[in-house]
Amino acid sequence: MAAAPRESSNASRYLQLALLVIAAGAIYPILYLRQVYQPTMLEVFHISEAQLGYLYSALGIIFLLCYLPSGWLADRIAPRMLISFSLIATGALGLWYSTAPSFASLVVIFGGWGLTTGLTFWAAIIKRVSMIASADEQGRFFGFLDGGRGLIEAMLATIAIGLFAWVTSTHGESNAAGFKLVVYLYAFLCIALGVVLGLVRDPQAGASAQAARKDSNVFHDLAALFKNRELLLLAAIVFCGYQVFWATYSFSAYLHEKEIGLSVVTAGAITTLKLWMRPIGGVGGGFLGDRFSKVSVLVTALFCASAALLVLIAAPAIASHALVAVLVLFIGVMTYAIRGLYWSLLDQCKVPAQTMGLAIGLVSVLGYMPDTFLPLVNGYLTQNYPGVLGYQMYFGYVACMAALGGVAGLVFKHRINRQGAQQ
């Protein structure tokens, strides 16, 4: 993709980036309130854990099915309009969600959320950020997107739990009332953001949508994208790097194992603090990428994460719990630097503007495939090799994948440098 021209002033572009960051940070938490409120959700909706699991399993399947058509759609409709629709529709479904409907209605709501945050939102926001960033800003813009999104999620979660405590503890109302207020917070914020983004003038995106080939053949376009070696290497980098992020989900349980000996509270505090590394890793990695080389910083982060995971395997032999905590936080910074940087390489894949969305969908399908099998790998290892051994084997596997991602990054860099030399 050629460098996007600056469609307006720097202030306007950074304002749009800020709105996109807030949108990305606000739209997903309403889907994943179970992270904090699962017991309350079971009580409010009168459902079992198995039923709740079914809802989230269905959501994951819809996401996987939507990645590719999401990209196709982003090539034909202005990303700004798709994002605006997604926010408003997600918020509207949230208002229905707040009424504690039946399980059948919850299935419809979660299915709708799968479409509004997967089909119409995902590729659109990646493409929009790529469009408003110039060639020398791709790293920091995507770094801001991921790091800023994490910061927004953390801030909103803090406000939400404060509201929940204020209603339930201070005023003595039911958990259902507190949960309803939390849902209102996210739903109305999504609707308001959708209206604002819908009103932001965006002539470039409109031109891009009009320039899309109406008579294009999606199979022909996909065949052309599969011939793009750099794009496939990017998919491999995302595939490997995304698994490092998955590994961080298991840190709390691993640290609580008796061989390491951290209490539930201490392990939870360390892993919660790790979440605050997201702005540091995402934004910091993005700025370093623009200052030096996006792919070089990404490769360094992948190899560092691989090495740190191997050291974490030796945590039972590390006497200092403080050292273990520092190691976990370091992995957190590397993880979020990886997440903040890999999409910034899209600009170097020379994808035509009219198939940029489809390229994002293709990379997403291949790159986020670990969602379908990594939980099974984790479950098998921890169940069949109890104690720290199962986690150590799991982290060892992810460390190998991170190293493979680093190798893919080196190949990507070699190809880009060779093309530059030929030109």
Protein backbone atom coordinates (compact mmCIF):
# COMPACT_ATOMS: atom_id res chain seq x y z
CA MET A 1 0.00 0.00 0.00
CA ALA A 2 1.34 3.39 -0.89
CA ALA A 3 1.82 5.88 1.87
CA ALA A 4 -1.50 7.48 2.70
CA PRO A 5 -1.57 11.21 2.00
CA ARG A 6 -2.31 13.41 4.94
CA GLU A 7 -5.99 14.07 4.41
CA SER A 8 -6.02 17.02 6.79
CA SER A 9 -3.97 18.63 9.52
CA ASN A 10 -1.95 16.68 12.04
CA ALA A 11 -4.37 17.80 14.75
CA SER A 12 -7.31 16.35 12.81
CA ARG A 13 -5.57 13.03 12.18
CA TYR A 14 -4.53 12.63 15.80
CA LEU A 15 -8.06 13.54 16.91
CA GLN A 16 -9.41 10.81 14.65
CA LEU A 17 -6.82 8.38 16.04
CA ALA A 18 -7.88 9.27 19.58
CA LEU A 19 -11.53 8.60 18.72
CA LEU A 20 -10.61 5.27 17.12
CA VAL A 21 -8.57 4.28 20.17
CA ILE A 22 -11.47 5.10 22.49
CA ALA A 23 -13.85 3.22 20.18
CA ALA A 24 -11.63 0.11 20.17
CA GLY A 25 -11.27 0.33 23.95
CA ALA A 26 -15.00 0.75 24.53
CA ILE A 27 -16.61 -1.69 22.10
CA TYR A 28 -15.15 -5.03 23.27
CA PRO A 29 -15.39 -4.88 27.11
CA ILE A 30 -19.19 -5.09 27.07
CA LEU A 31 -18.80 -8.50 25.38
CA TYR A 32 -16.36 -9.74 28.02
CA LEU A 33 -17.87 -8.56 31.31
CA ARG A 34 -17.53 -12.15 32.52
CA GLN A 35 -13.87 -11.41 33.33
CA VAL A 36 -15.04 -9.39 36.35
CA TYR A 37 -18.75 -10.10 36.77
CA GLN A 38 -19.20 -13.81 35.93
CA PRO A 39 -20.91 -14.82 39.23
CA THR A 40 -23.22 -11.80 38.91
CA MET A 41 -24.01 -12.65 35.28
CA LEU A 42 -24.98 -16.20 36.20
CA GLU A 43 -27.26 -14.79 38.92
CA VAL A 44 -28.79 -12.03 36.78
CA PHE A 45 -29.44 -14.11 33.66
CA HIS A 46 -30.32 -17.33 35.53
CA ILE A 47 -27.96 -19.40 33.40
CA SER A 48 -25.32 -22.04 34.12
CA GLU A 49 -21.59 -21.85 33.50
CA ALA A 50 -22.05 -24.31 30.63
CA GLN A 51 -24.59 -21.99 29.01
CA LEU A 52 -22.26 -19.03 29.48
CA GLY A 53 -19.47 -21.04 27.87
CA TYR A 54 -21.76 -21.83 24.94
CA LEU A 55 -22.37 -18.11 24.37
CA TYR A 56 -18.66 -17.32 24.25
CA SER A 57 -17.85 -20.35 22.13
CA ALA A 58 -20.43 -19.22 19.58
CA LEU A 59 -18.97 -15.70 19.70
CA GLY A 60 -15.48 -17.04 18.92
CA ILE A 61 -16.76 -19.08 15.98
CA ILE A 62 -18.57 -16.05 14.54
CA PHE A 63 -15.38 -13.99 14.85
CA LEU A 64 -13.38 -16.58 12.93
CA LEU A 65 -16.03 -16.74 10.19
CA CYS A 66 -16.25 -12.95 9.96
CA TYR A 67 -12.58 -12.02 9.54
CA LEU A 68 -12.45 -12.54 5.77
CA PRO A 69 -15.85 -11.01 4.86
CA SER A 70 -15.03 -8.17 7.25
CA GLY A 71 -12.09 -7.26 5.03
CA TRP A 72 -14.17 -7.60 1.87
CA LEU A 73 -16.76 -5.24 3.36
CA ALA A 74 -14.14 -2.68 4.40
CA ASP A 75 -13.06 -2.44 0.74
CA ARG A 76 -16.58 -1.48 -0.35
CA ILE A 77 -17.95 0.73 2.41
CA ALA A 78 -16.13 3.67 4.00
CA PRO A 79 -14.45 2.33 7.18
CA ARG A 80 -15.70 5.35 9.14
CA MET A 81 -19.32 4.42 8.41
CA LEU A 82 -18.73 0.77 9.32
CA ILE A 83 -17.12 1.76 12.62
CA SER A 84 -19.94 4.19 13.42
CA PHE A 85 -22.59 1.54 12.69
CA SER A 86 -20.69 -1.06 14.75
CA LEU A 87 -20.55 1.16 17.83
CA ILE A 88 -24.20 2.19 17.68
CA ALA A 89 -25.42 -1.36 17.01
CA THR A 90 -23.21 -2.82 19.77
CA GLY A 91 -24.54 -0.21 22.23
CA ALA A 92 -28.14 -0.88 21.20
CA LEU A 93 -27.69 -4.62 21.75
CA GLY A 94 -26.14 -3.69 25.12
CA LEU A 95 -29.33 -1.88 26.13
CA TRP A 96 -31.27 -5.05 25.36
CA TYR A 97 -28.65 -7.01 27.32
CA SER A 98 -29.21 -4.75 30.34
CA THR A 99 -32.83 -5.94 30.62
CA ALA A 100 -31.62 -9.45 31.69
CA PRO A 101 -33.44 -11.23 28.81
CA SER A 102 -33.93 -14.98 28.37
CA PHE A 103 -31.14 -17.33 27.29
CA ALA A 104 -32.61 -17.49 23.78
CA SER A 105 -32.37 -13.70 23.59
CA LEU A 106 -28.80 -13.83 24.89
CA VAL A 107 -27.91 -16.14 21.99
CA VAL A 108 -29.28 -13.53 19.58
CA ILE A 109 -27.45 -10.71 21.39
CA PHE A 110 -24.08 -12.49 21.37
CA GLY A 111 -24.60 -13.47 17.74
CA GLY A 112 -25.32 -9.83 16.95
CA TRP A 113 -22.22 -8.73 18.84
CA GLY A 114 -20.17 -11.20 16.83
CA LEU A 115 -21.34 -9.41 13.68
CA THR A 116 -21.08 -5.83 14.96
CA THR A 117 -17.58 -6.24 16.42
CA GLY A 118 -16.28 -8.79 13.92
CA LEU A 119 -17.91 -8.36 10.53
CA THR A 120 -18.37 -4.58 10.46
CA PHE A 121 -15.71 -3.38 12.90
CA TRP A 122 -12.46 -5.37 12.88
CA ALA A 123 -11.01 -4.85 9.39
CA ALA A 124 -12.56 -1.37 9.20
CA ILE A 125 -10.63 -0.01 12.17
CA ILE A 126 -7.32 -1.59 11.08
CA LYS A 127 -7.78 -0.13 7.59
CA ARG A 128 -8.84 3.27 8.94
CA VAL A 129 -5.74 3.59 11.14
CA SER A 130 -3.53 2.58 8.22
CA MET A 131 -5.22 5.24 6.06
CA ILE A 132 -4.79 8.18 8.42
CA ALA A 133 -1.15 7.37 9.25
CA SER A 134 1.60 8.47 6.88
CA ALA A 135 4.38 6.03 5.98
CA ASP A 136 6.64 7.22 8.82
CA GLU A 137 3.83 7.01 11.41
CA GLN A 138 2.51 3.47 10.95
CA GLY A 139 4.39 2.14 13.99
CA ARG A 140 3.28 4.80 16.45
CA PHE A 141 -0.31 4.90 15.16
CA PHE A 142 -0.80 1.14 15.57
CA GLY A 143 1.11 1.30 18.84
CA PHE A 144 -1.31 3.96 20.05
CA LEU A 145 -4.23 1.84 18.84
CA ASP A 146 -3.27 -1.22 20.87
CA GLY A 147 -1.65 0.50 23.85
CA GLY A 148 -4.30 3.20 24.06
CA ARG A 149 -7.06 0.65 23.73
CA GLY A 150 -5.64 -1.24 26.71
CA LEU A 151 -5.45 1.95 28.74
CA ILE A 152 -9.07 2.84 27.89
CA GLU A 153 -10.21 -0.66 28.83
CA ALA A 154 -8.41 -0.46 32.17
CA MET A 155 -9.83 3.00 32.92
CA LEU A 156 -13.38 2.00 31.99
CA ALA A 157 -13.10 -1.20 34.02
CA THR A 158 -12.01 0.86 37.04
CA ILE A 159 -14.93 3.27 36.63
CA ALA A 160 -17.34 0.35 36.12
CA ILE A 161 -16.28 -1.54 39.24
CA GLY A 162 -16.51 1.72 41.18
CA LEU A 163 -20.09 2.23 40.00
CA PHE A 164 -20.94 -1.38 40.81
CA ALA A 165 -19.52 -1.04 44.33
CA TRP A 166 -21.26 2.33 44.82
CA VAL A 167 -24.67 0.85 43.92
CA THR A 168 -24.33 -2.48 45.71
CA SER A 169 -22.24 -1.65 48.78
CA THR A 170 -22.90 2.03 49.47
CA HIS A 171 -26.57 2.07 48.54
CA GLY A 172 -27.33 -1.55 49.34
CA GLU A 173 -29.02 -2.31 46.04
CA SER A 174 -28.93 -5.70 44.34
CA ASN A 175 -26.11 -7.03 42.21
CA ALA A 176 -28.52 -6.94 39.28
CA ALA A 177 -28.95 -3.18 39.70
CA GLY A 178 -25.20 -2.67 39.85
CA PHE A 179 -24.62 -4.85 36.78
CA LYS A 180 -27.30 -2.98 34.86
CA LEU A 181 -25.53 0.32 35.57
CA VAL A 182 -22.23 -1.16 34.35
CA VAL A 183 -23.85 -2.29 31.09
CA TYR A 184 -25.42 1.17 30.70
CA LEU A 185 -21.96 2.75 31.02
CA TYR A 186 -20.54 0.76 28.12
CA ALA A 187 -23.70 0.79 25.97
CA PHE A 188 -24.29 4.55 26.07
CA LEU A 189 -20.58 5.25 25.56
CA CYS A 190 -20.58 3.07 22.42
CA ILE A 191 -23.69 4.80 21.05
CA ALA A 192 -22.26 8.28 21.73
CA LEU A 193 -18.92 7.40 20.09
CA GLY A 194 -20.75 5.94 17.10
CA VAL A 195 -22.66 9.18 16.58
CA VAL A 196 -19.52 11.31 16.91
CA LEU A 197 -17.48 9.18 14.50
CA GLY A 198 -20.38 9.19 12.06
CA LEU A 199 -20.25 12.99 11.98
CA VAL A 200 -16.48 13.29 11.44
CA ARG A 201 -15.80 14.31 7.86
CA ASP A 202 -13.76 11.73 6.03
CA PRO A 203 -13.37 12.54 2.32
CA GLN A 204 -10.46 10.15 1.78
CA ALA A 205 -12.34 7.12 3.07
CA GLY A 206 -15.30 7.98 0.84
CA ALA A 207 -13.02 8.23 -2.18
CA SER A 208 -11.43 4.93 -1.25
CA ALA A 209 -14.81 3.23 -1.09
CA GLN A 210 -15.81 4.69 -4.48
CA ALA A 211 -12.48 3.59 -5.96
CA ALA A 212 -13.11 -0.03 -4.96
CA ARG A 213 -13.69 -2.20 -8.00
CA LYS A 214 -17.38 -3.04 -8.01
CA ASP A 215 -16.85 -5.82 -10.54
CA SER A 216 -13.90 -7.39 -8.73
CA ASN A 217 -13.85 -11.13 -8.15
CA VAL A 218 -13.13 -12.01 -4.54
CA PHE A 219 -11.54 -15.35 -5.48
CA HIS A 220 -9.26 -13.65 -7.99
CA ASP A 221 -8.32 -11.05 -5.37
CA LEU A 222 -7.61 -13.77 -2.78
CA ALA A 223 -5.45 -15.68 -5.26
CA ALA A 224 -3.43 -12.51 -5.85
CA LEU A 225 -3.04 -11.93 -2.11
CA PHE A 226 -1.85 -15.51 -1.56
CA LYS A 227 0.94 -14.79 -4.05
CA ASN A 228 2.11 -11.86 -1.92
CA ARG A 229 4.97 -13.42 0.05
CA GLU A 230 5.32 -10.44 2.39
CA LEU A 231 1.63 -10.67 3.32
CA LEU A 232 1.96 -14.39 4.11
CA LEU A 233 5.05 -13.66 6.22
CA LEU A 234 3.03 -11.03 8.09
CA ALA A 235 0.34 -13.67 8.74
CA ALA A 236 3.05 -15.99 10.10
CA ILE A 237 4.36 -13.23 12.38
CA VAL A 238 0.85 -12.53 13.72
CA PHE A 239 0.23 -16.29 14.14
CA CYS A 240 3.38 -16.67 16.26
CA GLY A 241 3.20 -13.36 18.11
CA TYR A 242 -0.44 -13.77 19.07
CA GLN A 243 0.41 -16.98 20.92
CA VAL A 244 2.71 -15.03 23.24
CA PHE A 245 -0.33 -12.98 24.24
CA TRP A 246 -2.28 -16.18 24.92
CA ALA A 247 0.50 -17.42 27.21
CA THR A 248 0.01 -14.43 29.52
CA TYR A 249 -3.48 -15.70 30.39
CA SER A 250 -1.85 -18.58 32.30
CA PHE A 251 0.62 -16.54 34.35
CA SER A 252 -1.60 -16.15 37.43
CA ALA A 253 -2.35 -19.88 37.73
CA TYR A 254 1.32 -20.75 37.14
CA LEU A 255 2.59 -18.35 39.81
CA HIS A 256 0.09 -19.79 42.29
CA GLU A 257 1.41 -23.35 41.90
CA LYS A 258 2.97 -24.62 45.14
CA GLU A 259 6.43 -24.96 43.56
CA ILE A 260 6.48 -21.17 43.13
CA GLY A 261 4.34 -20.38 46.15
CA LEU A 262 2.71 -17.03 45.45
CA SER A 263 -0.68 -16.45 47.05
CA VAL A 264 -3.77 -15.96 44.91
CA VAL A 265 -3.82 -12.26 45.80
CA THR A 266 -0.12 -11.72 45.01
CA ALA A 267 -0.28 -13.67 41.74
CA GLY A 268 -3.42 -11.75 40.78
CA ALA A 269 -1.83 -8.41 41.66
CA ILE A 270 1.22 -9.14 39.50
CA THR A 271 -0.84 -10.20 36.50
CA THR A 272 -3.14 -7.20 36.94
CA LEU A 273 -0.12 -4.89 36.99
CA LYS A 274 0.98 -6.59 33.77
CA LEU A 275 -2.16 -5.22 32.09
CA TRP A 276 -0.85 -1.71 32.71
CA MET A 277 2.23 -2.60 30.63
CA ARG A 278 0.04 -2.46 27.53
CA PRO A 279 0.30 1.33 27.01
CA ILE A 280 4.05 1.17 27.68
CA GLY A 281 4.70 -1.73 25.33
CA GLY A 282 2.26 -0.68 22.60
CA VAL A 283 3.05 3.02 22.42
CA GLY A 284 6.75 2.65 23.27
CA GLY A 285 7.22 -0.12 20.70
CA GLY A 286 5.43 1.96 18.07
CA PHE A 287 7.63 5.01 18.61
CA LEU A 288 10.80 2.90 18.59
CA GLY A 289 9.61 1.23 15.38
CA ASP A 290 9.17 4.59 13.63
CA ARG A 291 12.46 5.88 15.03
CA PHE A 292 14.55 2.87 14.00
CA SER A 293 12.81 0.04 12.10
CA LYS A 294 9.36 -1.44 12.75
CA VAL A 295 10.35 -4.94 11.74
CA SER A 296 13.66 -4.80 13.66
CA VAL A 297 11.95 -3.73 16.88
CA LEU A 298 9.26 -6.39 16.36
CA VAL A 299 11.85 -9.12 15.79
CA THR A 300 13.75 -8.02 18.90
CA ALA A 301 10.54 -8.14 20.96
CA LEU A 302 9.72 -11.64 19.67
CA PHE A 303 13.16 -13.03 20.51
CA CYS A 304 13.18 -11.28 23.91
CA ALA A 305 9.73 -12.70 24.71
CA SER A 306 10.93 -16.17 23.70
CA ALA A 307 13.98 -15.93 25.95
CA ALA A 308 11.97 -14.50 28.87
CA LEU A 309 9.43 -17.33 28.64
CA LEU A 310 12.26 -19.85 28.84
CA VAL A 311 13.54 -18.07 31.96
CA LEU A 312 10.01 -18.07 33.40
CA ILE A 313 10.02 -21.86 33.09
CA ALA A 314 12.79 -21.79 35.71
CA ALA A 315 10.67 -19.70 38.11
CA PRO A 316 10.47 -22.50 40.75
CA ALA A 317 14.26 -22.26 41.07
CA ILE A 318 14.27 -18.45 41.36
CA ALA A 319 14.42 -17.55 45.05
CA SER A 320 13.24 -13.96 44.66
CA HIS A 321 9.53 -13.47 44.02
CA ALA A 322 10.30 -9.86 43.11
CA LEU A 323 12.50 -11.11 40.29
CA VAL A 324 9.69 -13.33 39.05
CA ALA A 325 7.35 -10.33 39.11
CA VAL A 326 9.82 -8.24 37.08
CA LEU A 327 10.10 -11.08 34.58
CA VAL A 328 6.32 -11.26 34.17
CA LEU A 329 6.11 -7.49 33.66
CA PHE A 330 8.95 -7.62 31.12
CA ILE A 331 7.10 -10.31 29.15
CA GLY A 332 4.03 -8.08 29.33
CA VAL A 333 5.90 -5.14 27.78
CA MET A 334 7.29 -7.39 25.01
CA THR A 335 3.86 -8.92 24.37
CA TYR A 336 2.16 -5.57 23.92
CA ALA A 337 5.03 -4.23 21.79
CA ILE A 338 4.50 -7.23 19.50
CA ARG A 339 0.75 -6.63 19.33
CA GLY A 340 1.24 -2.94 18.72
CA LEU A 341 3.72 -3.44 15.89
CA TYR A 342 2.72 -6.39 13.73
CA TRP A 343 -0.13 -4.61 11.94
CA SER A 344 2.16 -1.66 11.17
CA LEU A 345 4.03 -3.94 8.72
CA LEU A 346 0.94 -4.06 6.48
CA ASP A 347 2.08 -0.79 4.90
CA GLN A 348 5.21 -2.56 3.60
CA CYS A 349 3.35 -5.46 1.96
CA LYS A 350 2.51 -3.46 -1.19
CA VAL A 351 -1.16 -4.39 -1.10
CA PRO A 352 -3.38 -2.43 -3.55
CA ALA A 353 -5.72 -0.01 -1.78
CA GLN A 354 -8.81 -1.68 -3.26
CA THR A 355 -7.97 -5.03 -1.60
CA MET A 356 -6.46 -3.71 1.64
CA GLY A 357 -9.50 -4.77 3.68
CA LEU A 358 -9.47 -8.27 2.17
CA ALA A 359 -5.75 -8.52 3.00
CA ILE A 360 -6.51 -7.60 6.63
CA GLY A 361 -9.19 -10.30 6.71
CA LEU A 362 -6.84 -12.91 5.26
CA VAL A 363 -4.06 -12.11 7.73
CA SER A 364 -6.60 -12.18 10.58
CA VAL A 365 -7.96 -15.61 9.62
CA LEU A 366 -4.47 -17.11 9.47
CA GLY A 367 -2.90 -15.09 12.27
CA TYR A 368 -5.61 -15.49 14.89
CA MET A 369 -6.10 -19.20 14.26
CA PRO A 370 -4.50 -19.98 17.67
CA ASP A 371 -7.87 -18.97 19.17
CA THR A 372 -9.20 -22.29 17.90
CA PHE A 373 -6.53 -24.67 19.21
CA LEU A 374 -4.35 -23.03 21.85
CA PRO A 375 -6.93 -23.35 24.68
CA LEU A 376 -7.07 -27.08 23.88
CA VAL A 377 -3.27 -27.36 23.97
CA ASN A 378 -3.18 -25.54 27.29
CA GLY A 379 -5.97 -27.66 28.76
CA TYR A 380 -4.38 -30.94 27.63
CA LEU A 381 -0.94 -30.12 29.03
CA THR A 382 -2.12 -28.75 32.38
CA GLN A 383 -4.54 -31.64 32.88
CA ASN A 384 -2.19 -34.46 31.90
CA TYR A 385 0.93 -32.93 33.48
CA PRO A 386 -0.33 -31.38 36.74
CA GLY A 387 1.60 -28.82 38.74
CA VAL A 388 4.18 -26.56 37.15
CA LEU A 389 5.24 -29.15 34.55
CA GLY A 390 2.18 -28.66 32.34
CA TYR A 391 2.63 -24.89 32.35
CA GLN A 392 6.36 -25.23 31.70
CA MET A 393 5.69 -27.40 28.64
CA TYR A 394 3.08 -24.88 27.46
CA PHE A 395 5.43 -21.92 27.90
CA GLY A 396 8.20 -23.87 26.19
CA TYR A 397 5.96 -24.41 23.16
CA VAL A 398 4.99 -20.72 23.03
CA ALA A 399 8.66 -19.70 23.39
CA CYS A 400 9.45 -21.79 20.31
CA MET A 401 6.61 -20.15 18.40
CA ALA A 402 7.84 -16.69 19.40
CA ALA A 403 11.30 -17.57 18.10
CA LEU A 404 9.77 -18.81 14.83
CA GLY A 405 7.94 -15.49 14.60
CA GLY A 406 11.27 -13.73 15.00
CA VAL A 407 12.71 -15.82 12.15
CA ALA A 408 9.69 -14.95 9.96
CA GLY A 409 10.33 -11.30 10.81
CA LEU A 410 13.97 -11.59 9.72
CA VAL A 411 12.89 -13.14 6.41
CA PHE A 412 10.33 -10.34 6.00
CA LYS A 413 13.04 -7.73 6.64
CA HIS A 414 15.41 -9.41 4.17
CA ARG A 415 12.77 -9.38 1.42
CA ILE A 416 11.85 -5.74 2.05
CA ASN A 417 15.51 -4.68 2.04
CA ARG A 418 16.15 -6.63 -1.16
CA GLN A 419 13.18 -4.99 -2.88
CA GLY A 420 14.43 -1.58 -1.73
CA ALA A 421 17.88 -2.28 -3.15
CA GLN A 422 16.41 -3.37 -6.49
CA GLN A 423 14.33 -0.20 -6.72
